[in-house]
């Protein structure tokens, strides 16, 4: 569901108070499509917010639609423990993105 004037404080590690003019937390493919259609209809720019770490937002308000992307379908192709902690290597279903997950805490996305 697209919401208006949402504080992004819980979505960035630096905990800056920034307001999104419009905000969508996308959990499905359909959510992403809804966000794109909404932005086209209202002629709005889209800002994609991933994990929020290492992100410094210095504006008081982000104009347009902020999409918190929580949708990513990955298929694990290999798991290993070379250094005593688990590393998982996964690809998105369409093979466009590869993810390397270190102990379920650090994600590295490669395109």
PDB file of N, CA and C in Angstrom:
ATOM      1  N   UNK A   1       0.841  -1.187   0.000  1.00  0.00           N
ATOM      2  CA  UNK A   1       0.000   0.000   0.000  1.00  0.00           C
ATOM      3  C   UNK A   1       0.885   1.249   0.000  1.00  0.00           C
ATOM      4  N   UNK A   2       0.605   2.167  -0.871  1.00  0.00           N
ATOM      5  CA  UNK A   2       1.385   3.400  -0.963  1.00  0.00           C
ATOM      6  C   UNK A   2       0.884   4.372   0.104  1.00  0.00           C
ATOM      7  N   UNK A   3       1.843   4.895   0.877  1.00  0.00           N
ATOM      8  CA  UNK A   3       1.528   5.807   1.973  1.00  0.00           C
ATOM      9  C   UNK A   3       2.121   7.175   1.676  1.00  0.00           C
ATOM     10  N   UNK A   4       1.608   8.184   2.350  1.00  0.00           N
ATOM     11  CA  UNK A   4       2.064   9.551   2.125  1.00  0.00           C
ATOM     12  C   UNK A   4       2.762  10.087   3.380  1.00  0.00           C
ATOM     13  N   UNK A   5       3.848  10.872   3.153  1.00  0.00           N
ATOM     14  CA  UNK A   5       4.603  11.549   4.216  1.00  0.00           C
ATOM     15  C   UNK A   5       5.047  10.602   5.324  1.00  0.00           C
ATOM     16  N   UNK A   6       5.890   9.631   4.947  1.00  0.00           N
ATOM     17  CA  UNK A   6       6.405   8.632   5.882  1.00  0.00           C
ATOM     18  C   UNK A   6       7.841   8.979   6.266  1.00  0.00           C
ATOM     19  N   UNK A   7       8.124   8.909   7.572  1.00  0.00           N
ATOM     20  CA  UNK A   7       9.477   9.153   8.070  1.00  0.00           C
ATOM     21  C   UNK A   7      10.342   7.930   7.774  1.00  0.00           C
ATOM     22  N   UNK A   8      11.508   8.153   7.163  1.00  0.00           N
ATOM     23  CA  UNK A   8      12.403   7.064   6.783  1.00  0.00           C
ATOM     24  C   UNK A   8      13.389   6.683   7.882  1.00  0.00           C
ATOM     25  N   UNK A   9      13.248   7.241   9.055  1.00  0.00           N
ATOM     26  CA  UNK A   9      14.161   6.970  10.171  1.00  0.00           C
ATOM     27  C   UNK A   9      14.360   5.472  10.422  1.00  0.00           C
ATOM     28  N   UNK A  10      13.304   4.647  10.453  1.00  0.00           N
ATOM     29  CA  UNK A  10      13.532   3.225  10.718  1.00  0.00           C
ATOM     30  C   UNK A  10      14.182   2.472   9.562  1.00  0.00           C
ATOM     31  N   UNK A  11      14.346   3.121   8.420  1.00  0.00           N
ATOM     32  CA  UNK A  11      14.852   2.436   7.240  1.00  0.00           C
ATOM     33  C   UNK A  11      16.286   2.825   6.874  1.00  0.00           C
ATOM     34  N   UNK A  12      16.972   3.584   7.728  1.00  0.00           N
ATOM     35  CA  UNK A  12      18.374   3.904   7.448  1.00  0.00           C
ATOM     36  C   UNK A  12      19.187   3.826   8.729  1.00  0.00           C
ATOM     37  N   UNK A  13      20.389   3.285   8.630  1.00  0.00           N
ATOM     38  CA  UNK A  13      21.200   3.014   9.819  1.00  0.00           C
ATOM     39  C   UNK A  13      21.698   4.277  10.512  1.00  0.00           C
ATOM     40  N   UNK A  14      21.768   5.389   9.803  1.00  0.00           N
ATOM     41  CA  UNK A  14      22.210   6.635  10.426  1.00  0.00           C
ATOM     42  C   UNK A  14      21.080   7.334  11.179  1.00  0.00           C
ATOM     43  N   UNK A  15      19.866   6.809  11.060  1.00  0.00           N
ATOM     44  CA  UNK A  15      18.694   7.301  11.795  1.00  0.00           C
ATOM     45  C   UNK A  15      18.440   8.792  11.575  1.00  0.00           C
ATOM     46  N   UNK A  16      18.480   9.203  10.315  1.00  0.00           N
ATOM     47  CA  UNK A  16      18.162  10.592   9.987  1.00  0.00           C
ATOM     48  C   UNK A  16      16.659  10.732   9.781  1.00  0.00           C
ATOM     49  N   UNK A  17      16.117  11.855  10.220  1.00  0.00           N
ATOM     50  CA  UNK A  17      14.698  12.141  10.028  1.00  0.00           C
ATOM     51  C   UNK A  17      14.492  12.735   8.647  1.00  0.00           C
ATOM     52  N   UNK A  18      14.016  11.913   7.743  1.00  0.00           N
ATOM     53  CA  UNK A  18      13.727  12.346   6.385  1.00  0.00           C
ATOM     54  C   UNK A  18      12.339  11.840   6.026  1.00  0.00           C
ATOM     55  N   UNK A  19      11.543  12.687   5.431  1.00  0.00           N
ATOM     56  CA  UNK A  19      10.178  12.328   5.058  1.00  0.00           C
ATOM     57  C   UNK A  19      10.129  11.947   3.583  1.00  0.00           C
ATOM     58  N   UNK A  20       9.486  10.822   3.284  1.00  0.00           N
ATOM     59  CA  UNK A  20       9.227  10.427   1.899  1.00  0.00           C
ATOM     60  C   UNK A  20       7.861  10.972   1.522  1.00  0.00           C
ATOM     61  N   UNK A  21       7.802  11.711   0.412  1.00  0.00           N
ATOM     62  CA  UNK A  21       6.514  12.240  -0.041  1.00  0.00           C
ATOM     63  C   UNK A  21       5.512  11.089  -0.201  1.00  0.00           C
ATOM     64  N   UNK A  22       5.942  10.026  -0.892  1.00  0.00           N
ATOM     65  CA  UNK A  22       5.167   8.794  -1.010  1.00  0.00           C
ATOM     66  C   UNK A  22       6.103   7.642  -0.690  1.00  0.00           C
ATOM     67  N   UNK A  23       5.569   6.585  -0.090  1.00  0.00           N
ATOM     68  CA  UNK A  23       6.391   5.461   0.346  1.00  0.00           C
ATOM     69  C   UNK A  23       5.669   4.149   0.074  1.00  0.00           C
ATOM     70  N   UNK A  24       6.422   3.174  -0.431  1.00  0.00           N
ATOM     71  CA  UNK A  24       5.889   1.840  -0.674  1.00  0.00           C
ATOM     72  C   UNK A  24       6.900   0.817  -0.197  1.00  0.00           C
ATOM     73  N   UNK A  25       6.480  -0.076   0.681  1.00  0.00           N
ATOM     74  CA  UNK A  25       7.320  -1.202   1.073  1.00  0.00           C
ATOM     75  C   UNK A  25       6.903  -2.379   0.200  1.00  0.00           C
ATOM     76  N   UNK A  26       7.716  -2.675  -0.810  1.00  0.00           N
ATOM     77  CA  UNK A  26       7.384  -3.706  -1.801  1.00  0.00           C
ATOM     78  C   UNK A  26       7.816  -5.066  -1.294  1.00  0.00           C
ATOM     79  N   UNK A  27       6.840  -5.952  -1.138  1.00  0.00           N
ATOM     80  CA  UNK A  27       7.120  -7.313  -0.683  1.00  0.00           C
ATOM     81  C   UNK A  27       6.876  -8.348  -1.776  1.00  0.00           C
ATOM     82  N   UNK A  28       6.204  -7.930  -2.846  1.00  0.00           N
ATOM     83  CA  UNK A  28       5.906  -8.836  -3.953  1.00  0.00           C
ATOM     84  C   UNK A  28       6.209  -8.140  -5.276  1.00  0.00           C
ATOM     85  N   UNK A  29       6.224  -8.935  -6.321  1.00  0.00           N
ATOM     86  CA  UNK A  29       6.409  -8.390  -7.670  1.00  0.00           C
ATOM     87  C   UNK A  29       5.272  -7.429  -8.008  1.00  0.00           C
ATOM     88  N   UNK A  30       4.067  -7.793  -7.572  1.00  0.00           N
ATOM     89  CA  UNK A  30       2.896  -6.959  -7.826  1.00  0.00           C
ATOM     90  C   UNK A  30       3.039  -5.591  -7.147  1.00  0.00           C
ATOM     91  N   UNK A  31       3.627  -5.559  -5.944  1.00  0.00           N
ATOM     92  CA  UNK A  31       3.870  -4.284  -5.258  1.00  0.00           C
ATOM     93  C   UNK A  31       4.780  -3.388  -6.092  1.00  0.00           C
ATOM     94  N   UNK A  32       5.828  -3.979  -6.667  1.00  0.00           N
ATOM     95  CA  UNK A  32       6.756  -3.201  -7.495  1.00  0.00           C
ATOM     96  C   UNK A  32       6.059  -2.645  -8.740  1.00  0.00           C
ATOM     97  N   UNK A  33       5.204  -3.453  -9.333  1.00  0.00           N
ATOM     98  CA  UNK A  33       4.450  -3.005 -10.510  1.00  0.00           C
ATOM     99  C   UNK A  33       3.501  -1.875 -10.111  1.00  0.00           C
ATOM    100  N   UNK A  34       2.827  -2.025  -8.970  1.00  0.00           N
ATOM    101  CA  UNK A  34       1.925  -0.976  -8.482  1.00  0.00           C
ATOM    102  C   UNK A  34       2.677   0.342  -8.282  1.00  0.00           C
ATOM    103  N   UNK A  35       3.872   0.273  -7.705  1.00  0.00           N
ATOM    104  CA  UNK A  35       4.681   1.470  -7.486  1.00  0.00           C
ATOM    105  C   UNK A  35       5.066   2.144  -8.783  1.00  0.00           C
ATOM    106  N   UNK A  36       5.463   1.351  -9.768  1.00  0.00           N
ATOM    107  CA  UNK A  36       5.851   1.909 -11.066  1.00  0.00           C
ATOM    108  C   UNK A  36       4.660   2.590 -11.742  1.00  0.00           C
ATOM    109  N   UNK A  37       3.505   1.930 -11.721  1.00  0.00           N
ATOM    110  CA  UNK A  37       2.300   2.518 -12.322  1.00  0.00           C
ATOM    111  C   UNK A  37       1.924   3.818 -11.619  1.00  0.00           C
ATOM    112  N   UNK A  38       2.020   3.829 -10.282  1.00  0.00           N
ATOM    113  CA  UNK A  38       1.700   5.014  -9.491  1.00  0.00           C
ATOM    114  C   UNK A  38       2.620   6.168  -9.874  1.00  0.00           C
ATOM    115  N   UNK A  39       3.917   5.872  -9.996  1.00  0.00           N
ATOM    116  CA  UNK A  39       4.882   6.934 -10.330  1.00  0.00           C
ATOM    117  C   UNK A  39       4.638   7.489 -11.734  1.00  0.00           C
ATOM    118  N   UNK A  40       4.251   6.629 -12.656  1.00  0.00           N
ATOM    119  CA  UNK A  40       3.957   7.084 -14.024  1.00  0.00           C
ATOM    120  C   UNK A  40       2.706   7.950 -14.028  1.00  0.00           C
ATOM    121  N   UNK A  41       1.659   7.490 -13.344  1.00  0.00           N
ATOM    122  CA  UNK A  41       0.393   8.228 -13.300  1.00  0.00           C
ATOM    123  C   UNK A  41       0.572   9.621 -12.718  1.00  0.00           C
ATOM    124  N   UNK A  42       1.388   9.724 -11.650  1.00  0.00           N
ATOM    125  CA  UNK A  42       1.570  11.005 -10.972  1.00  0.00           C
ATOM    126  C   UNK A  42       2.821  11.747 -11.456  1.00  0.00           C
ATOM    127  N   UNK A  43       3.535  11.163 -12.436  1.00  0.00           N
ATOM    128  CA  UNK A  43       4.755  11.756 -12.971  1.00  0.00           C
ATOM    129  C   UNK A  43       5.772  12.037 -11.863  1.00  0.00           C
ATOM    130  N   UNK A  44       6.058  10.992 -11.067  1.00  0.00           N
ATOM    131  CA  UNK A  44       6.957  11.120  -9.917  1.00  0.00           C
ATOM    132  C   UNK A  44       8.270  10.383 -10.163  1.00  0.00           C
ATOM    133  N   UNK A  45       9.372  10.911  -9.643  1.00  0.00           N
ATOM    134  CA  UNK A  45      10.618  10.141  -9.662  1.00  0.00           C
ATOM    135  C   UNK A  45      10.526   9.017  -8.636  1.00  0.00           C
ATOM    136  N   UNK A  46      11.316   7.967  -8.848  1.00  0.00           N
ATOM    137  CA  UNK A  46      11.367   6.833  -7.916  1.00  0.00           C
ATOM    138  C   UNK A  46      12.755   6.767  -7.298  1.00  0.00           C
ATOM    139  N   UNK A  47      12.784   6.585  -5.976  1.00  0.00           N
ATOM    140  CA  UNK A  47      14.030   6.365  -5.241  1.00  0.00           C
ATOM    141  C   UNK A  47      13.933   4.969  -4.635  1.00  0.00           C
ATOM    142  N   UNK A  48      14.850   4.077  -5.022  1.00  0.00           N
ATOM    143  CA  UNK A  48      14.845   2.712  -4.509  1.00  0.00           C
ATOM    144  C   UNK A  48      15.723   2.649  -3.263  1.00  0.00           C
ATOM    145  N   UNK A  49      15.130   2.221  -2.168  1.00  0.00           N
ATOM    146  CA  UNK A  49      15.828   2.077  -0.895  1.00  0.00           C
ATOM    147  C   UNK A  49      16.048   0.594  -0.658  1.00  0.00           C
ATOM    148  N   UNK A  50      17.295   0.178  -0.578  1.00  0.00           N
ATOM    149  CA  UNK A  50      17.590  -1.244  -0.353  1.00  0.00           C
ATOM    150  C   UNK A  50      17.640  -1.506   1.142  1.00  0.00           C
ATOM    151  N   UNK A  51      18.774  -1.951   1.642  1.00  0.00           N
ATOM    152  CA  UNK A  51      18.889  -2.273   3.061  1.00  0.00           C
ATOM    153  C   UNK A  51      18.964  -1.059   3.971  1.00  0.00           C
ATOM    154  N   UNK A  52      19.403   0.067   3.446  1.00  0.00           N
ATOM    155  CA  UNK A  52      19.486   1.287   4.239  1.00  0.00           C
ATOM    156  C   UNK A  52      20.803   1.471   4.972  1.00  0.00           C
ATOM    157  N   UNK A  53      21.686   0.467   4.908  1.00  0.00           N
ATOM    158  CA  UNK A  53      22.977   0.640   5.566  1.00  0.00           C
ATOM    159  C   UNK A  53      23.904   1.411   4.638  1.00  0.00           C
ATOM    160  N   UNK A  54      24.799   2.153   5.230  1.00  0.00           N
ATOM    161  CA  UNK A  54      25.724   2.998   4.479  1.00  0.00           C
ATOM    162  C   UNK A  54      24.998   4.000   3.594  1.00  0.00           C
ATOM    163  N   UNK A  55      23.866   4.468   4.082  1.00  0.00           N
ATOM    164  CA  UNK A  55      23.073   5.434   3.351  1.00  0.00           C
ATOM    165  C   UNK A  55      22.946   6.691   4.186  1.00  0.00           C
ATOM    166  N   UNK A  56      23.361   7.810   3.627  1.00  0.00           N
ATOM    167  CA  UNK A  56      23.228   9.088   4.325  1.00  0.00           C
ATOM    168  C   UNK A  56      22.225   9.937   3.559  1.00  0.00           C
ATOM    169  N   UNK A  57      21.076  10.166   4.175  1.00  0.00           N
ATOM    170  CA  UNK A  57      20.045  11.006   3.556  1.00  0.00           C
ATOM    171  C   UNK A  57      20.156  12.378   4.207  1.00  0.00           C
ATOM    172  N   UNK A  58      20.471  13.391   3.417  1.00  0.00           N
ATOM    173  CA  UNK A  58      20.688  14.720   3.983  1.00  0.00           C
ATOM    174  C   UNK A  58      19.539  15.680   3.692  1.00  0.00           C
ATOM    175  N   UNK A  59      18.547  15.215   2.969  1.00  0.00           N
ATOM    176  CA  UNK A  59      17.383  16.053   2.692  1.00  0.00           C
ATOM    177  C   UNK A  59      16.341  15.891   3.795  1.00  0.00           C
ATOM    178  N   UNK A  60      15.566  16.938   4.000  1.00  0.00           N
ATOM    179  CA  UNK A  60      14.464  16.835   4.949  1.00  0.00           C
ATOM    180  C   UNK A  60      13.303  16.057   4.357  1.00  0.00           C
ATOM    181  N   UNK A  61      13.146  16.145   3.023  1.00  0.00           N
ATOM    182  CA  UNK A  61      12.051  15.450   2.358  1.00  0.00           C
ATOM    183  C   UNK A  61      12.519  14.954   0.996  1.00  0.00           C
ATOM    184  N   UNK A  62      12.166  13.718   0.682  1.00  0.00           N
ATOM    185  CA  UNK A  62      12.443  13.171  -0.642  1.00  0.00           C
ATOM    186  C   UNK A  62      11.154  13.257  -1.444  1.00  0.00           C
ATOM    187  N   UNK A  63      11.199  14.056  -2.503  1.00  0.00           N
ATOM    188  CA  UNK A  63      10.036  14.213  -3.378  1.00  0.00           C
ATOM    189  C   UNK A  63       9.913  12.981  -4.264  1.00  0.00           C
ATOM    190  N   UNK A  64       8.693  12.546  -4.505  1.00  0.00           N
ATOM    191  CA  UNK A  64       8.455  11.400  -5.359  1.00  0.00           C
ATOM    192  C   UNK A  64       8.125  10.172  -4.535  1.00  0.00           C
ATOM    193  N   UNK A  65       8.334   9.009  -5.140  1.00  0.00           N
ATOM    194  CA  UNK A  65       8.011   7.729  -4.504  1.00  0.00           C
ATOM    195  C   UNK A  65       9.282   7.045  -4.045  1.00  0.00           C
ATOM    196  N   UNK A  66       9.361   6.752  -2.756  1.00  0.00           N
ATOM    197  CA  UNK A  66      10.459   5.960  -2.198  1.00  0.00           C
ATOM    198  C   UNK A  66       9.957   4.528  -2.086  1.00  0.00           C
ATOM    199  N   UNK A  67      10.682   3.595  -2.709  1.00  0.00           N
ATOM    200  CA  UNK A  67      10.303   2.186  -2.664  1.00  0.00           C
ATOM    201  C   UNK A  67      11.325   1.439  -1.826  1.00  0.00           C
ATOM    202  N   UNK A  68      10.878   0.870  -0.722  1.00  0.00           N
ATOM    203  CA  UNK A  68      11.714  -0.006   0.109  1.00  0.00           C
ATOM    204  C   UNK A  68      11.551  -1.398  -0.473  1.00  0.00           C
ATOM    205  N   UNK A  69      12.572  -1.855  -1.183  1.00  0.00           N
ATOM    206  CA  UNK A  69      12.464  -3.120  -1.903  1.00  0.00           C
ATOM    207  C   UNK A  69      12.804  -4.297  -0.994  1.00  0.00           C
ATOM    208  N   UNK A  70      11.776  -5.011  -0.578  1.00  0.00           N
ATOM    209  CA  UNK A  70      11.951  -6.226   0.216  1.00  0.00           C
ATOM    210  C   UNK A  70      11.636  -7.468  -0.603  1.00  0.00           C
ATOM    211  N   UNK A  71      11.517  -7.287  -1.919  1.00  0.00           N
ATOM    212  CA  UNK A  71      11.203  -8.419  -2.795  1.00  0.00           C
ATOM    213  C   UNK A  71      12.452  -8.836  -3.551  1.00  0.00           C
ATOM    214  N   UNK A  72      12.887 -10.034  -3.299  1.00  0.00           N
ATOM    215  CA  UNK A  72      13.998 -10.598  -4.049  1.00  0.00           C
ATOM    216  C   UNK A  72      13.901 -12.105  -3.938  1.00  0.00           C
ATOM    217  N   UNK A  73      13.619 -12.745  -5.042  1.00  0.00           N
ATOM    218  CA  UNK A  73      13.515 -14.198  -5.060  1.00  0.00           C
ATOM    219  C   UNK A  73      14.881 -14.751  -5.434  1.00  0.00           C
ATOM    220  N   UNK A  74      15.500 -15.453  -4.490  1.00  0.00           N
ATOM    221  CA  UNK A  74      16.821 -16.018  -4.744  1.00  0.00           C
ATOM    222  C   UNK A  74      16.776 -17.539  -4.647  1.00  0.00           C
ATOM    223  N   UNK A  75      17.617 -18.169  -5.432  1.00  0.00           N
ATOM    224  CA  UNK A  75      17.753 -19.617  -5.413  1.00  0.00           C
ATOM    225  C   UNK A  75      19.184 -19.916  -4.959  1.00  0.00           C
ATOM    226  N   UNK A  76      19.333 -20.565  -3.807  1.00  0.00           N
ATOM    227  CA  UNK A  76      20.660 -20.891  -3.286  1.00  0.00           C
ATOM    228  C   UNK A  76      21.253 -21.993  -4.152  1.00  0.00           C
ATOM    229  N   UNK A  77      22.469 -21.736  -4.664  1.00  0.00           N
ATOM    230  CA  UNK A  77      23.107 -22.738  -5.512  1.00  0.00           C
ATOM    231  C   UNK A  77      24.284 -23.420  -4.809  1.00  0.00           C
ATOM    232  N   UNK A  78      24.806 -22.769  -3.745  1.00  0.00           N
ATOM    233  CA  UNK A  78      25.927 -23.383  -3.040  1.00  0.00           C
ATOM    234  C   UNK A  78      26.031 -22.802  -1.648  1.00  0.00           C
ATOM    235  N   UNK A  79      26.318 -23.659  -0.664  1.00  0.00           N
ATOM    236  CA  UNK A  79      26.608 -23.216   0.697  1.00  0.00           C
ATOM    237  C   UNK A  79      27.904 -23.873   1.137  1.00  0.00           C
ATOM    238  N   UNK A  80      28.743 -23.094   1.810  1.00  0.00           N
ATOM    239  CA  UNK A  80      30.037 -23.601   2.243  1.00  0.00           C
ATOM    240  C   UNK A  80      30.443 -22.929   3.547  1.00  0.00           C
ATOM    241  N   UNK A  81      31.416 -23.501   4.261  1.00  0.00           N
ATOM    242  CA  UNK A  81      31.935 -22.916   5.500  1.00  0.00           C
ATOM    243  C   UNK A  81      33.471 -22.900   5.446  1.00  0.00           C
ATOM    244  N   UNK A  82      34.054 -22.107   4.540  1.00  0.00           N
ATOM    245  CA  UNK A  82      35.511 -22.146   4.387  1.00  0.00           C
ATOM    246  C   UNK A  82      36.283 -21.528   5.549  1.00  0.00           C
ATOM    247  N   UNK A  83      35.687 -20.600   6.277  1.00  0.00           N
ATOM    248  CA  UNK A  83      36.394 -19.916   7.357  1.00  0.00           C
ATOM    249  C   UNK A  83      35.683 -20.095   8.694  1.00  0.00           C
ATOM    250  N   UNK A  84      34.857 -21.114   8.809  1.00  0.00           N
ATOM    251  CA  UNK A  84      34.154 -21.362  10.046  1.00  0.00           C
ATOM    252  C   UNK A  84      32.789 -20.710  10.140  1.00  0.00           C
ATOM    253  N   UNK A  85      32.406 -19.920   9.134  1.00  0.00           N
ATOM    254  CA  UNK A  85      31.057 -19.356   9.113  1.00  0.00           C
ATOM    255  C   UNK A  85      30.457 -19.611   7.732  1.00  0.00           C
ATOM    256  N   UNK A  86      29.142 -19.712   7.716  1.00  0.00           N
ATOM    257  CA  UNK A  86      28.448 -20.112   6.492  1.00  0.00           C
ATOM    258  C   UNK A  86      28.434 -19.000   5.446  1.00  0.00           C
ATOM    259  N   UNK A  87      28.708 -19.372   4.226  1.00  0.00           N
ATOM    260  CA  UNK A  87      28.586 -18.485   3.077  1.00  0.00           C
ATOM    261  C   UNK A  87      27.621 -19.148   2.101  1.00  0.00           C
ATOM    262  N   UNK A  88      26.583 -18.413   1.696  1.00  0.00           N
ATOM    263  CA  UNK A  88      25.623 -18.920   0.710  1.00  0.00           C
ATOM    264  C   UNK A  88      25.756 -18.101  -0.567  1.00  0.00           C
ATOM    265  N   UNK A  89      25.748 -18.778  -1.677  1.00  0.00           N
ATOM    266  CA  UNK A  89      25.774 -18.107  -2.980  1.00  0.00           C
ATOM    267  C   UNK A  89      24.433 -18.393  -3.641  1.00  0.00           C
ATOM    268  N   UNK A  90      23.754 -17.325  -4.064  1.00  0.00           N
ATOM    269  CA  UNK A  90      22.420 -17.483  -4.640  1.00  0.00           C
ATOM    270  C   UNK A  90      22.271 -16.608  -5.871  1.00  0.00           C
ATOM    271  N   UNK A  91      21.417 -17.038  -6.776  1.00  0.00           N
ATOM    272  CA  UNK A  91      21.068 -16.273  -7.965  1.00  0.00           C
ATOM    273  C   UNK A  91      19.587 -15.965  -7.935  1.00  0.00           C
ATOM    274  N   UNK A  92      19.210 -14.807  -8.511  1.00  0.00           N
ATOM    275  CA  UNK A  92      17.795 -14.525  -8.695  1.00  0.00           C
ATOM    276  C   UNK A  92      17.277 -15.479  -9.765  1.00  0.00           C
ATOM    277  N   UNK A  93      15.982 -15.691  -9.775  1.00  0.00           N
ATOM    278  CA  UNK A  93      15.373 -16.657 -10.698  1.00  0.00           C
ATOM    279  C   UNK A  93      15.714 -16.360 -12.154  1.00  0.00           C
ATOM    280  N   UNK A  94      15.825 -15.081 -12.509  1.00  0.00           N
ATOM    281  CA  UNK A  94      16.120 -14.735 -13.897  1.00  0.00           C
ATOM    282  C   UNK A  94      17.623 -14.613 -14.158  1.00  0.00           C
ATOM    283  N   UNK A  95      18.437 -14.974 -13.167  1.00  0.00           N
ATOM    284  CA  UNK A  95      19.908 -14.985 -13.276  1.00  0.00           C
ATOM    285  C   UNK A  95      20.516 -13.608 -13.516  1.00  0.00           C
ATOM    286  N   UNK A  96      19.789 -12.535 -13.192  1.00  0.00           N
ATOM    287  CA  UNK A  96      20.332 -11.200 -13.364  1.00  0.00           C
ATOM    288  C   UNK A  96      21.140 -10.747 -12.160  1.00  0.00           C
ATOM    289  N   UNK A  97      20.842 -11.281 -10.985  1.00  0.00           N
ATOM    290  CA  UNK A  97      21.533 -10.863  -9.770  1.00  0.00           C
ATOM    291  C   UNK A  97      22.113 -12.062  -9.055  1.00  0.00           C
ATOM    292  N   UNK A  98      23.316 -11.889  -8.540  1.00  0.00           N
ATOM    293  CA  UNK A  98      23.921 -12.903  -7.696  1.00  0.00           C
ATOM    294  C   UNK A  98      24.065 -12.301  -6.311  1.00  0.00           C
ATOM    295  N   UNK A  99      23.799 -13.081  -5.304  1.00  0.00           N
ATOM    296  CA  UNK A  99      23.923 -12.618  -3.930  1.00  0.00           C
ATOM    297  C   UNK A  99      24.873 -13.538  -3.185  1.00  0.00           C
ATOM    298  N   UNK A 100      25.769 -12.940  -2.426  1.00  0.00           N
ATOM    299  CA  UNK A 100      26.631 -13.706  -1.548  1.00  0.00           C
ATOM    300  C   UNK A 100      26.247 -13.316  -0.128  1.00  0.00           C
ATOM    301  N   UNK A 101      25.819 -14.284   0.669  1.00  0.00           N
ATOM    302  CA  UNK A 101      25.342 -14.016   2.023  1.00  0.00           C
ATOM    303  C   UNK A 101      26.332 -14.598   3.010  1.00  0.00           C
ATOM    304  N   UNK A 102      26.863 -13.751   3.875  1.00  0.00           N
ATOM    305  CA  UNK A 102      27.801 -14.173   4.895  1.00  0.00           C
ATOM    306  C   UNK A 102      27.066 -14.287   6.222  1.00  0.00           C
ATOM    307  N   UNK A 103      26.863 -15.478   6.709  1.00  0.00           N
ATOM    308  CA  UNK A 103      26.238 -15.720   8.015  1.00  0.00           C
ATOM    309  C   UNK A 103      24.912 -14.995   8.207  1.00  0.00           C
ATOM    310  N   UNK A 104      24.147 -14.813   7.167  1.00  0.00           N
ATOM    311  CA  UNK A 104      22.820 -14.184   7.206  1.00  0.00           C
ATOM    312  C   UNK A 104      22.832 -12.729   7.673  1.00  0.00           C
ATOM    313  N   UNK A 105      23.990 -12.065   7.681  1.00  0.00           N
ATOM    314  CA  UNK A 105      24.019 -10.676   8.155  1.00  0.00           C
ATOM    315  C   UNK A 105      24.538  -9.707   7.114  1.00  0.00           C
ATOM    316  N   UNK A 106      25.420 -10.137   6.259  1.00  0.00           N
ATOM    317  CA  UNK A 106      26.030  -9.236   5.274  1.00  0.00           C
ATOM    318  C   UNK A 106      25.677  -9.733   3.882  1.00  0.00           C
ATOM    319  N   UNK A 107      25.105  -8.854   3.083  1.00  0.00           N
ATOM    320  CA  UNK A 107      24.683  -9.233   1.742  1.00  0.00           C
ATOM    321  C   UNK A 107      25.495  -8.458   0.718  1.00  0.00           C
ATOM    322  N   UNK A 108      25.902  -9.127  -0.326  1.00  0.00           N
ATOM    323  CA  UNK A 108      26.623  -8.504  -1.428  1.00  0.00           C
ATOM    324  C   UNK A 108      25.871  -8.860  -2.693  1.00  0.00           C
ATOM    325  N   UNK A 109      25.359  -7.864  -3.395  1.00  0.00           N
ATOM    326  CA  UNK A 109      24.607  -8.099  -4.622  1.00  0.00           C
ATOM    327  C   UNK A 109      25.442  -7.690  -5.807  1.00  0.00           C
ATOM    328  N   UNK A 110      25.532  -8.564  -6.774  1.00  0.00           N
ATOM    329  CA  UNK A 110      26.293  -8.295  -7.985  1.00  0.00           C
ATOM    330  C   UNK A 110      25.367  -8.420  -9.166  1.00  0.00           C
ATOM    331  N   UNK A 111      25.520  -7.531 -10.123  1.00  0.00           N
ATOM    332  CA  UNK A 111      24.681  -7.598 -11.322  1.00  0.00           C
ATOM    333  C   UNK A 111      25.531  -7.971 -12.501  1.00  0.00           C
TER     334      UNK A 111
END
